[in-house]
Amino acid sequence: MSGRLHRVRVKRMTTLVVACALACTPALALAFAVALAPAALSAQDVAQGPDFPRGAVTAHVIRDASFGRTRRVWVYTPPGYDAKRKAPYPVVLAFDGAIYLDSMPLPRVLDSLLALKRTTAFVAVLVDDSSGAVRTAELGNAARMPVFVATQLVPWLRRGWHVTRDPARVIATGSSAGGLGASHLALTRPDVVGNVFSQSGAFWRSAEGSNGAPYEWLTQRVGLIPKQPVRFVLDVGALEDHATLGGSGPNFRDATRRFRDALSARGYDVTYVEVPEGNHGEAWWRQRLAAGLVALSARWPST
């Protein structure tokens, strides 16, 4: 396929995905995004969409006492942000913050959803999680991460911005280890986060970022703790049907299915999407970012 024909195809697919994510019901939007998933969309494709009013992103460095290091965070405020308005803003918290600024362009997605009146205006906090083994150690069911978010990050955000204190209006999101981290955070601190959008969450992992058994620690924990007031949207690629750890670990897709089943057995509100031809990467995740946020926020009262 020539470069020009590919760009035309991607542009048309982009228009269809965005149109349905913004105009369809939440369930149909998710289904439509899945149906068109094979068309890989770049951050540049998103940026070339309609020229909606843009919010602001500011960079910050805060001290993370839980992990004993400084941490970069970015705060997005929507167009027309009003620190004195009556209703506080709902929040999106995204792990792997640098990625969600670029190849998973969360601020641009939130601008578009707001302009087309598919969601309310959000404040978002994008959290840097380093890379490699350090990232895994932080997001892989680490007990210190919910402590950092609940006792340091969220109080810092509340001091500086006009944001909600209602966990039912807070969404935690992430992909791969970030999806696992978002789920662990909400189940551990439902007083802070009441909604999770996990994309290809690494639910096969053990506790504290370990690559060893017992695997699927968070899935087992769901059955051991009281049911929490948390809603979940989970997606995973059909092509993630493979063993982890070079063949010695649990099947990635099947671990996600077991996490879904554990949540459903306890009565959680779970939306599960298995993406045909979907694989483990941003080219797949970013196509469904808007639809997942719409699905979780669609039933919220308007402000």
C-alpha atoms as a PDB file:
ATOM      1  CA  MET A   1       0.000   0.000   0.000  1.00  0.00           C
ATOM      2  CA  SER A   2       1.399   3.382  -0.972  1.00  0.00           C
ATOM      3  CA  GLY A   3       2.085   5.987   1.711  1.00  0.00           C
ATOM      4  CA  ARG A   4      -0.686   8.233   0.336  1.00  0.00           C
ATOM      5  CA  LEU A   5      -3.294   5.444   0.284  1.00  0.00           C
ATOM      6  CA  HIS A   6      -2.284   4.378   3.794  1.00  0.00           C
ATOM      7  CA  ARG A   7      -2.704   7.955   5.080  1.00  0.00           C
ATOM      8  CA  VAL A   8      -6.146   8.195   3.461  1.00  0.00           C
ATOM      9  CA  ARG A   9      -7.206   4.870   4.969  1.00  0.00           C
ATOM     10  CA  VAL A  10      -5.932   5.817   8.412  1.00  0.00           C
ATOM     11  CA  LYS A  11      -7.613   9.215   8.234  1.00  0.00           C
ATOM     12  CA  ARG A  12     -10.947   7.615   7.320  1.00  0.00           C
ATOM     13  CA  MET A  13     -10.585   5.027  10.058  1.00  0.00           C
ATOM     14  CA  THR A  14      -9.659   7.750  12.527  1.00  0.00           C
ATOM     15  CA  THR A  15     -12.795   9.695  11.610  1.00  0.00           C
ATOM     16  CA  LEU A  16     -14.990   6.617  12.075  1.00  0.00           C
ATOM     17  CA  VAL A  17     -13.448   5.598  15.391  1.00  0.00           C
ATOM     18  CA  VAL A  18     -13.606   9.101  16.851  1.00  0.00           C
ATOM     19  CA  ALA A  19     -17.113   9.705  15.535  1.00  0.00           C
ATOM     20  CA  CYS A  20     -18.482   6.574  17.157  1.00  0.00           C
ATOM     21  CA  ALA A  21     -16.496   6.973  20.370  1.00  0.00           C
ATOM     22  CA  LEU A  22     -17.959  10.447  20.694  1.00  0.00           C
ATOM     23  CA  ALA A  23     -21.498   9.916  19.387  1.00  0.00           C
ATOM     24  CA  CYS A  24     -22.484   6.286  20.086  1.00  0.00           C
ATOM     25  CA  THR A  25     -23.573   4.715  23.327  1.00  0.00           C
ATOM     26  CA  PRO A  26     -20.612   3.628  25.505  1.00  0.00           C
ATOM     27  CA  ALA A  27     -21.116  -0.071  24.727  1.00  0.00           C
ATOM     28  CA  LEU A  28     -21.415   0.545  20.979  1.00  0.00           C
ATOM     29  CA  ALA A  29     -18.415   2.855  21.014  1.00  0.00           C
ATOM     30  CA  LEU A  30     -16.286   0.115  22.550  1.00  0.00           C
ATOM     31  CA  ALA A  31     -17.556  -2.452  20.064  1.00  0.00           C
ATOM     32  CA  PHE A  32     -16.918  -0.114  17.126  1.00  0.00           C
ATOM     33  CA  ALA A  33     -13.402   0.662  18.283  1.00  0.00           C
ATOM     34  CA  VAL A  34     -12.718  -3.077  18.489  1.00  0.00           C
ATOM     35  CA  ALA A  35     -14.059  -3.685  14.987  1.00  0.00           C
ATOM     36  CA  LEU A  36     -11.679  -1.113  13.492  1.00  0.00           C
ATOM     37  CA  ALA A  37      -8.718  -1.960  15.710  1.00  0.00           C
ATOM     38  CA  PRO A  38      -6.357  -3.227  12.963  1.00  0.00           C
ATOM     39  CA  ALA A  39      -5.933   0.335  11.619  1.00  0.00           C
ATOM     40  CA  ALA A  40      -2.949   1.598  13.585  1.00  0.00           C
ATOM     41  CA  LEU A  41      -3.255   5.269  14.503  1.00  0.00           C
ATOM     42  CA  SER A  42      -0.272   7.432  15.396  1.00  0.00           C
ATOM     43  CA  ALA A  43      -0.096  10.403  17.739  1.00  0.00           C
ATOM     44  CA  GLN A  44       0.329  12.494  14.584  1.00  0.00           C
ATOM     45  CA  ASP A  45      -2.976  11.182  13.217  1.00  0.00           C
ATOM     46  CA  VAL A  46      -4.728  12.300  16.396  1.00  0.00           C
ATOM     47  CA  ALA A  47      -3.050  15.706  16.298  1.00  0.00           C
ATOM     48  CA  GLN A  48      -4.286  16.204  12.715  1.00  0.00           C
ATOM     49  CA  GLY A  49      -7.916  15.890  13.835  1.00  0.00           C
ATOM     50  CA  PRO A  50     -10.327  18.811  14.312  1.00  0.00           C
ATOM     51  CA  ASP A  51      -8.743  21.895  15.822  1.00  0.00           C
ATOM     52  CA  PHE A  52     -10.658  21.824  19.106  1.00  0.00           C
ATOM     53  CA  PRO A  53      -9.795  24.249  21.911  1.00  0.00           C
ATOM     54  CA  ARG A  54      -6.835  22.870  23.809  1.00  0.00           C
ATOM     55  CA  GLY A  55      -6.230  22.612  27.500  1.00  0.00           C
ATOM     56  CA  ALA A  56      -2.937  23.306  29.240  1.00  0.00           C
ATOM     57  CA  VAL A  57      -0.295  20.855  30.451  1.00  0.00           C
ATOM     58  CA  THR A  58       2.187  21.843  33.143  1.00  0.00           C
ATOM     59  CA  ALA A  59       5.213  19.825  34.250  1.00  0.00           C
ATOM     60  CA  HIS A  60       6.145  19.329  37.900  1.00  0.00           C
ATOM     61  CA  VAL A  61       8.618  17.416  40.024  1.00  0.00           C
ATOM     62  CA  ILE A  62       7.516  16.132  43.407  1.00  0.00           C
ATOM     63  CA  ARG A  63       9.252  14.158  46.100  1.00  0.00           C
ATOM     64  CA  ASP A  64       7.991  10.578  46.363  1.00  0.00           C
ATOM     65  CA  ALA A  65       8.643   9.582  49.964  1.00  0.00           C
ATOM     66  CA  SER A  66       7.235   6.074  49.424  1.00  0.00           C
ATOM     67  CA  PHE A  67       9.877   5.144  46.851  1.00  0.00           C
ATOM     68  CA  GLY A  68      12.518   7.590  48.069  1.00  0.00           C
ATOM     69  CA  ARG A  69      13.003   9.497  44.838  1.00  0.00           C
ATOM     70  CA  THR A  70      11.816  12.499  42.905  1.00  0.00           C
ATOM     71  CA  ARG A  71       9.092  11.883  40.367  1.00  0.00           C
ATOM     72  CA  ARG A  72       7.935  13.837  37.326  1.00  0.00           C
ATOM     73  CA  VAL A  73       4.213  14.469  36.975  1.00  0.00           C
ATOM     74  CA  TRP A  74       2.210  16.466  34.457  1.00  0.00           C
ATOM     75  CA  VAL A  75      -1.128  18.110  35.159  1.00  0.00           C
ATOM     76  CA  TYR A  76      -3.636  18.732  32.381  1.00  0.00           C
ATOM     77  CA  THR A  77      -6.358  21.340  32.844  1.00  0.00           C
ATOM     78  CA  PRO A  78      -9.178  21.659  30.307  1.00  0.00           C
ATOM     79  CA  PRO A  79      -9.914  24.678  28.108  1.00  0.00           C
ATOM     80  CA  GLY A  80     -11.639  27.315  30.215  1.00  0.00           C
ATOM     81  CA  TYR A  81     -10.466  25.776  33.490  1.00  0.00           C
ATOM     82  CA  ASP A  82     -12.113  27.695  36.357  1.00  0.00           C
ATOM     83  CA  ALA A  83     -10.597  27.258  39.809  1.00  0.00           C
ATOM     84  CA  LYS A  84     -13.579  29.047  41.352  1.00  0.00           C
ATOM     85  CA  ARG A  85     -16.458  27.219  39.740  1.00  0.00           C
ATOM     86  CA  LYS A  86     -18.904  25.512  42.077  1.00  0.00           C
ATOM     87  CA  ALA A  87     -18.409  21.895  40.991  1.00  0.00           C
ATOM     88  CA  PRO A  88     -14.886  20.452  41.303  1.00  0.00           C
ATOM     89  CA  TYR A  89     -13.415  18.724  38.269  1.00  0.00           C
ATOM     90  CA  PRO A  90     -13.330  14.938  37.951  1.00  0.00           C
ATOM     91  CA  VAL A  91      -9.894  13.390  37.556  1.00  0.00           C
ATOM     92  CA  VAL A  92      -8.097  11.004  35.218  1.00  0.00           C
ATOM     93  CA  LEU A  93      -4.915   9.531  36.707  1.00  0.00           C
ATOM     94  CA  ALA A  94      -2.634   7.901  34.130  1.00  0.00           C
ATOM     95  CA  PHE A  95       0.456   5.850  34.826  1.00  0.00           C
ATOM     96  CA  ASP A  96       3.401   6.008  32.371  1.00  0.00           C
ATOM     97  CA  GLY A  97       2.781   9.747  32.140  1.00  0.00           C
ATOM     98  CA  ALA A  98       5.367  10.547  29.458  1.00  0.00           C
ATOM     99  CA  ILE A  99       3.753   8.033  27.111  1.00  0.00           C
ATOM    100  CA  TYR A 100       0.280   9.465  27.771  1.00  0.00           C
ATOM    101  CA  LEU A 101       1.586  12.864  26.691  1.00  0.00           C
ATOM    102  CA  ASP A 102       2.833  11.575  23.343  1.00  0.00           C
ATOM    103  CA  SER A 103       1.984   8.261  21.717  1.00  0.00           C
ATOM    104  CA  MET A 104      -1.085   7.866  23.981  1.00  0.00           C
ATOM    105  CA  PRO A 105      -2.176  11.520  23.683  1.00  0.00           C
ATOM    106  CA  LEU A 106      -4.504  11.759  26.667  1.00  0.00           C
ATOM    107  CA  PRO A 107      -4.699  15.596  26.785  1.00  0.00           C
ATOM    108  CA  ARG A 108      -5.733  15.733  23.109  1.00  0.00           C
ATOM    109  CA  VAL A 109      -8.319  12.996  23.645  1.00  0.00           C
ATOM    110  CA  LEU A 110      -9.801  14.864  26.620  1.00  0.00           C
ATOM    111  CA  ASP A 111      -9.930  18.091  24.585  1.00  0.00           C
ATOM    112  CA  SER A 112     -11.842  16.273  21.831  1.00  0.00           C
ATOM    113  CA  LEU A 113     -14.284  14.529  24.169  1.00  0.00           C
ATOM    114  CA  LEU A 114     -15.079  17.818  25.878  1.00  0.00           C
ATOM    115  CA  ALA A 115     -15.535  19.755  22.634  1.00  0.00           C
ATOM    116  CA  LEU A 116     -17.955  17.141  21.299  1.00  0.00           C
ATOM    117  CA  LYS A 117     -19.781  16.929  24.639  1.00  0.00           C
ATOM    118  CA  ARG A 118     -19.130  13.222  25.168  1.00  0.00           C
ATOM    119  CA  THR A 119     -17.566  13.745  28.595  1.00  0.00           C
ATOM    120  CA  THR A 120     -17.377  16.487  31.146  1.00  0.00           C
ATOM    121  CA  ALA A 121     -14.204  18.537  31.569  1.00  0.00           C
ATOM    122  CA  PHE A 122     -11.474  16.606  33.387  1.00  0.00           C
ATOM    123  CA  VAL A 123      -8.290  17.486  35.194  1.00  0.00           C
ATOM    124  CA  ALA A 124      -5.692  14.791  34.522  1.00  0.00           C
ATOM    125  CA  VAL A 125      -2.515  13.887  36.369  1.00  0.00           C
ATOM    126  CA  LEU A 126       0.052  11.896  34.398  1.00  0.00           C
ATOM    127  CA  VAL A 127       2.559  10.054  36.547  1.00  0.00           C
ATOM    128  CA  ASP A 128       6.075   9.170  35.440  1.00  0.00           C
ATOM    129  CA  ASP A 129       6.988   5.562  36.220  1.00  0.00           C
ATOM    130  CA  SER A 130      10.509   5.297  34.799  1.00  0.00           C
ATOM    131  CA  SER A 131      11.159   2.191  32.671  1.00  0.00           C
ATOM    132  CA  GLY A 132      12.383  -1.379  32.754  1.00  0.00           C
ATOM    133  CA  ALA A 133      12.799  -3.105  36.097  1.00  0.00           C
ATOM    134  CA  VAL A 134      12.153   0.101  38.055  1.00  0.00           C
ATOM    135  CA  ARG A 135       8.778   0.533  36.344  1.00  0.00           C
ATOM    136  CA  THR A 136       7.830  -3.086  36.993  1.00  0.00           C
ATOM    137  CA  ALA A 137       8.824  -2.785  40.636  1.00  0.00           C
ATOM    138  CA  GLU A 138       6.537   0.252  41.025  1.00  0.00           C
ATOM    139  CA  LEU A 139       3.501  -0.890  39.050  1.00  0.00           C
ATOM    140  CA  GLY A 140       3.604  -4.654  39.606  1.00  0.00           C
ATOM    141  CA  ASN A 141       1.352  -4.856  42.694  1.00  0.00           C
ATOM    142  CA  ALA A 142       3.777  -2.801  44.780  1.00  0.00           C
ATOM    143  CA  ALA A 143       2.311  -1.915  48.181  1.00  0.00           C
ATOM    144  CA  ARG A 144       4.095   1.442  48.143  1.00  0.00           C
ATOM    145  CA  MET A 145       2.354   2.752  45.003  1.00  0.00           C
ATOM    146  CA  PRO A 146      -1.160   3.113  46.507  1.00  0.00           C
ATOM    147  CA  VAL A 147       0.482   4.741  49.532  1.00  0.00           C
ATOM    148  CA  PHE A 148       2.239   7.288  47.313  1.00  0.00           C
ATOM    149  CA  VAL A 149      -0.891   8.059  45.295  1.00  0.00           C
ATOM    150  CA  ALA A 150      -3.284   8.285  48.251  1.00  0.00           C
ATOM    151  CA  THR A 151      -1.093  10.089  50.774  1.00  0.00           C
ATOM    152  CA  GLN A 152       1.150  12.247  48.575  1.00  0.00           C
ATOM    153  CA  LEU A 153       0.042  12.624  44.958  1.00  0.00           C
ATOM    154  CA  VAL A 154      -3.703  13.109  45.429  1.00  0.00           C
ATOM    155  CA  PRO A 155      -3.375  15.526  48.396  1.00  0.00           C
ATOM    156  CA  TRP A 156      -0.835  17.507  46.332  1.00  0.00           C
ATOM    157  CA  LEU A 157      -3.267  17.619  43.407  1.00  0.00           C
ATOM    158  CA  ARG A 158      -6.137  18.726  45.644  1.00  0.00           C
ATOM    159  CA  ARG A 159      -4.076  21.551  47.100  1.00  0.00           C
ATOM    160  CA  GLY A 160      -3.153  22.953  43.720  1.00  0.00           C
ATOM    161  CA  TRP A 161      -6.227  22.359  41.569  1.00  0.00           C
ATOM    162  CA  HIS A 162     -10.014  22.419  41.964  1.00  0.00           C
ATOM    163  CA  VAL A 163     -10.608  18.663  41.782  1.00  0.00           C
ATOM    164  CA  THR A 164     -13.133  16.249  43.197  1.00  0.00           C
ATOM    165  CA  ARG A 165     -12.812  14.345  46.451  1.00  0.00           C
ATOM    166  CA  ASP A 166     -15.382  11.803  45.255  1.00  0.00           C
ATOM    167  CA  PRO A 167     -13.664   8.560  44.158  1.00  0.00           C
ATOM    168  CA  ALA A 168     -16.664   7.730  41.954  1.00  0.00           C
ATOM    169  CA  ARG A 169     -15.519  10.599  39.706  1.00  0.00           C
ATOM    170  CA  VAL A 170     -11.878   9.510  39.493  1.00  0.00           C
ATOM    171  CA  ILE A 171     -10.582   7.204  36.730  1.00  0.00           C
ATOM    172  CA  ALA A 172      -7.208   5.455  36.966  1.00  0.00           C
ATOM    173  CA  THR A 173      -5.860   4.192  33.653  1.00  0.00           C
ATOM    174  CA  GLY A 174      -2.787   2.521  32.280  1.00  0.00           C
ATOM    175  CA  SER A 175      -1.546  -0.107  29.855  1.00  0.00           C
ATOM    176  CA  SER A 176       0.389  -3.322  30.501  1.00  0.00           C
ATOM    177  CA  ALA A 177       1.956  -2.919  33.960  1.00  0.00           C
ATOM    178  CA  GLY A 178       0.147   0.423  34.156  1.00  0.00           C
ATOM    179  CA  GLY A 179      -3.215  -1.334  33.772  1.00  0.00           C
ATOM    180  CA  LEU A 180      -2.268  -3.703  36.570  1.00  0.00           C
ATOM    181  CA  GLY A 181      -1.106  -0.760  38.688  1.00  0.00           C
ATOM    182  CA  ALA A 182      -4.377   1.114  38.125  1.00  0.00           C
ATOM    183  CA  SER A 183      -6.400  -1.934  39.168  1.00  0.00           C
ATOM    184  CA  HIS A 184      -4.255  -2.573  42.235  1.00  0.00           C
ATOM    185  CA  LEU A 185      -4.545   1.077  43.222  1.00  0.00           C
ATOM    186  CA  ALA A 186      -8.355   1.115  43.030  1.00  0.00           C
ATOM    187  CA  LEU A 187      -8.816  -2.176  44.888  1.00  0.00           C
ATOM    188  CA  THR A 188      -6.398  -1.031  47.607  1.00  0.00           C
ATOM    189  CA  ARG A 189      -7.594   2.572  47.910  1.00  0.00           C
ATOM    190  CA  PRO A 190     -11.232   2.731  46.721  1.00  0.00           C
ATOM    191  CA  ASP A 191     -11.551   5.848  48.864  1.00  0.00           C
ATOM    192  CA  VAL A 192      -9.368   7.571  46.251  1.00  0.00           C
ATOM    193  CA  VAL A 193     -10.166   5.843  42.921  1.00  0.00           C
ATOM    194  CA  GLY A 194     -13.542   4.413  41.921  1.00  0.00           C
ATOM    195  CA  ASN A 195     -13.033   3.608  38.217  1.00  0.00           C
ATOM    196  CA  VAL A 196     -10.382   1.683  36.270  1.00  0.00           C
ATOM    197  CA  PHE A 197      -9.623   1.529  32.553  1.00  0.00           C
ATOM    198  CA  SER A 198      -6.978  -1.157  32.086  1.00  0.00           C
ATOM    199  CA  GLN A 199      -5.546  -1.943  28.663  1.00  0.00           C
ATOM    200  CA  SER A 200      -3.620  -5.211  28.368  1.00  0.00           C
ATOM    201  CA  GLY A 201      -3.110  -5.228  32.123  1.00  0.00           C
ATOM    202  CA  ALA A 202      -0.304  -7.529  33.300  1.00  0.00           C
ATOM    203  CA  PHE A 203      -2.552  -9.525  35.621  1.00  0.00           C
ATOM    204  CA  TRP A 204      -0.292 -12.559  35.406  1.00  0.00           C
ATOM    205  CA  ARG A 205       2.213 -10.968  37.781  1.00  0.00           C
ATOM    206  CA  SER A 206       2.878 -11.841  41.395  1.00  0.00           C
ATOM    207  CA  ALA A 207       3.222  -9.305  44.224  1.00  0.00           C
ATOM    208  CA  GLU A 208       5.884  -6.581  44.377  1.00  0.00           C
ATOM    209  CA  GLY A 209       6.919  -6.856  40.729  1.00  0.00           C
ATOM    210  CA  SER A 210       8.088 -10.429  41.125  1.00  0.00           C
ATOM    211  CA  ASN A 211       8.481 -12.717  38.130  1.00  0.00           C
ATOM    212  CA  GLY A 212       8.073 -15.765  40.337  1.00  0.00           C
ATOM    213  CA  ALA A 213       5.132 -17.715  41.711  1.00  0.00           C
ATOM    214  CA  PRO A 214       2.538 -17.372  43.061  1.00  0.00           C
ATOM    215  CA  TYR A 215       1.305 -15.739  39.878  1.00  0.00           C
ATOM    216  CA  GLU A 216      -1.877 -13.687  39.393  1.00  0.00           C
ATOM    217  CA  TRP A 217      -1.630 -12.215  42.871  1.00  0.00           C
ATOM    218  CA  LEU A 218      -4.240  -9.490  42.329  1.00  0.00           C
ATOM    219  CA  THR A 219      -6.772 -11.977  40.950  1.00  0.00           C
ATOM    220  CA  GLN A 220      -6.408 -14.069  44.091  1.00  0.00           C
ATOM    221  CA  ARG A 221      -6.716 -10.971  46.236  1.00  0.00           C
ATOM    222  CA  VAL A 222     -10.082 -10.064  44.705  1.00  0.00           C
ATOM    223  CA  GLY A 223     -11.565 -13.117  46.425  1.00  0.00           C
ATOM    224  CA  LEU A 224      -9.961 -12.338  49.787  1.00  0.00           C
ATOM    225  CA  ILE A 225     -10.978  -8.707  50.330  1.00  0.00           C
ATOM    226  CA  PRO A 226     -14.444  -7.163  50.704  1.00  0.00           C
ATOM    227  CA  LYS A 227     -16.092  -6.050  47.459  1.00  0.00           C
ATOM    228  CA  GLN A 228     -15.107  -2.456  46.760  1.00  0.00           C
ATOM    229  CA  PRO A 229     -17.141   0.319  45.049  1.00  0.00           C
ATOM    230  CA  VAL A 230     -15.015   0.220  41.888  1.00  0.00           C
ATOM    231  CA  ARG A 231     -16.048  -0.089  38.229  1.00  0.00           C
ATOM    232  CA  PHE A 232     -13.775  -1.677  35.623  1.00  0.00           C
ATOM    233  CA  VAL A 233     -13.287  -1.490  31.862  1.00  0.00           C
ATOM    234  CA  LEU A 234     -10.729  -4.093  30.778  1.00  0.00           C
ATOM    235  CA  ASP A 235      -9.418  -4.804  27.303  1.00  0.00           C
ATOM    236  CA  VAL A 236      -6.816  -7.206  25.974  1.00  0.00           C
ATOM    237  CA  GLY A 237      -5.725  -8.245  22.488  1.00  0.00           C
ATOM    238  CA  ALA A 238      -6.755 -11.604  21.093  1.00  0.00           C
ATOM    239  CA  LEU A 239      -3.166 -12.067  19.894  1.00  0.00           C
ATOM    240  CA  GLU A 240      -1.921 -11.779  23.479  1.00  0.00           C
ATOM    241  CA  ASP A 241      -2.743 -15.467  23.703  1.00  0.00           C
ATOM    242  CA  HIS A 242       0.744 -16.545  24.711  1.00  0.00           C
ATOM    243  CA  ALA A 243       2.720 -17.583  27.744  1.00  0.00           C
ATOM    244  CA  THR A 244       4.729 -14.979  29.631  1.00  0.00           C
ATOM    245  CA  LEU A 245       8.349 -15.223  30.787  1.00  0.00           C
ATOM    246  CA  GLY A 246       9.482 -16.878  27.580  1.00  0.00           C
ATOM    247  CA  GLY A 247       7.001 -19.708  27.952  1.00  0.00           C
ATOM    248  CA  SER A 248       7.314 -20.505  31.651  1.00  0.00           C
ATOM    249  CA  GLY A 249       4.721 -18.050  32.965  1.00  0.00           C
ATOM    250  CA  PRO A 250       0.914 -17.787  32.740  1.00  0.00           C
ATOM    251  CA  ASN A 251      -0.854 -17.062  29.479  1.00  0.00           C
ATOM    252  CA  PHE A 252      -1.219 -13.273  29.213  1.00  0.00           C
ATOM    253  CA  ARG A 253      -4.725 -13.159  27.722  1.00  0.00           C
ATOM    254  CA  ASP A 254      -6.042 -15.937  29.908  1.00  0.00           C
ATOM    255  CA  ALA A 255      -4.756 -14.196  33.058  1.00  0.00           C
ATOM    256  CA  THR A 256      -6.875 -11.195  32.056  1.00  0.00           C
ATOM    257  CA  ARG A 257      -9.894 -13.457  31.593  1.00  0.00           C
ATOM    258  CA  ARG A 258      -9.378 -14.922  35.049  1.00  0.00           C
ATOM    259  CA  PHE A 259      -9.138 -11.445  36.564  1.00  0.00           C
ATOM    260  CA  ARG A 260     -12.404 -10.528  34.822  1.00  0.00           C
ATOM    261  CA  ASP A 261     -14.040 -13.703  36.100  1.00  0.00           C
ATOM    262  CA  ALA A 262     -12.860 -13.073  39.666  1.00  0.00           C
ATOM    263  CA  LEU A 263     -14.315  -9.559  39.575  1.00  0.00           C
ATOM    264  CA  SER A 264     -17.594 -10.762  38.070  1.00  0.00           C
ATOM    265  CA  ALA A 265     -17.919 -13.502  40.683  1.00  0.00           C
ATOM    266  CA  ARG A 266     -17.737 -10.861  43.415  1.00  0.00           C
ATOM    267  CA  GLY A 267     -20.374  -8.697  41.734  1.00  0.00           C
ATOM    268  CA  TYR A 268     -18.173  -5.940  40.304  1.00  0.00           C
ATOM    269  CA  ASP A 269     -19.347  -3.794  37.376  1.00  0.00           C
ATOM    270  CA  VAL A 270     -16.984  -5.044  34.629  1.00  0.00           C
ATOM    271  CA  THR A 271     -16.892  -4.302  30.905  1.00  0.00           C
ATOM    272  CA  TYR A 272     -14.503  -6.656  29.104  1.00  0.00           C
ATOM    273  CA  VAL A 273     -13.282  -6.267  25.510  1.00  0.00           C
ATOM    274  CA  GLU A 274     -11.133  -8.843  23.721  1.00  0.00           C
ATOM    275  CA  VAL A 275      -9.818  -7.155  20.601  1.00  0.00           C
ATOM    276  CA  PRO A 276      -9.724  -9.273  17.402  1.00  0.00           C
ATOM    277  CA  GLU A 277      -6.203  -9.202  15.937  1.00  0.00           C
ATOM    278  CA  GLY A 278      -5.209  -6.916  18.843  1.00  0.00           C
ATOM    279  CA  ASN A 279      -1.710  -7.137  20.258  1.00  0.00           C
ATOM    280  CA  HIS A 280       0.420  -5.664  23.051  1.00  0.00           C
ATOM    281  CA  GLY A 281       1.312  -2.120  22.051  1.00  0.00           C
ATOM    282  CA  GLU A 282       0.327   1.519  21.900  1.00  0.00           C
ATOM    283  CA  ALA A 283      -0.838   1.210  18.288  1.00  0.00           C
ATOM    284  CA  TRP A 284      -3.739  -0.834  19.644  1.00  0.00           C
ATOM    285  CA  TRP A 285      -4.336   0.849  22.985  1.00  0.00           C
ATOM    286  CA  ARG A 286      -4.624   4.439  21.803  1.00  0.00           C
ATOM    287  CA  GLN A 287      -7.473   3.606  19.438  1.00  0.00           C
ATOM    288  CA  ARG A 288      -9.732   2.730  22.357  1.00  0.00           C
ATOM    289  CA  LEU A 289      -8.622   5.337  24.872  1.00  0.00           C
ATOM    290  CA  ALA A 290     -11.533   7.682  24.153  1.00  0.00           C
ATOM    291  CA  ALA A 291     -14.141   4.910  24.185  1.00  0.00           C
ATOM    292  CA  GLY A 292     -12.955   3.593  27.560  1.00  0.00           C
ATOM    293  CA  LEU A 293     -13.164   7.017  29.189  1.00  0.00           C
ATOM    294  CA  VAL A 294     -16.639   7.545  27.742  1.00  0.00           C
ATOM    295  CA  ALA A 295     -17.810   4.134  28.955  1.00  0.00           C
ATOM    296  CA  LEU A 296     -16.771   4.868  32.543  1.00  0.00           C
ATOM    297  CA  SER A 297     -18.059   8.447  32.737  1.00  0.00           C
ATOM    298  CA  ALA A 298     -21.249   8.240  30.697  1.00  0.00           C
ATOM    299  CA  ARG A 299     -23.505   7.555  33.706  1.00  0.00           C
ATOM    300  CA  TRP A 300     -22.108  10.333  35.855  1.00  0.00           C
ATOM    301  CA  PRO A 301     -24.431  13.235  36.672  1.00  0.00           C
ATOM    302  CA  SER A 302     -23.665  16.292  34.578  1.00  0.00           C
ATOM    303  CA  THR A 303     -22.024  19.297  36.274  1.00  0.00           C
END
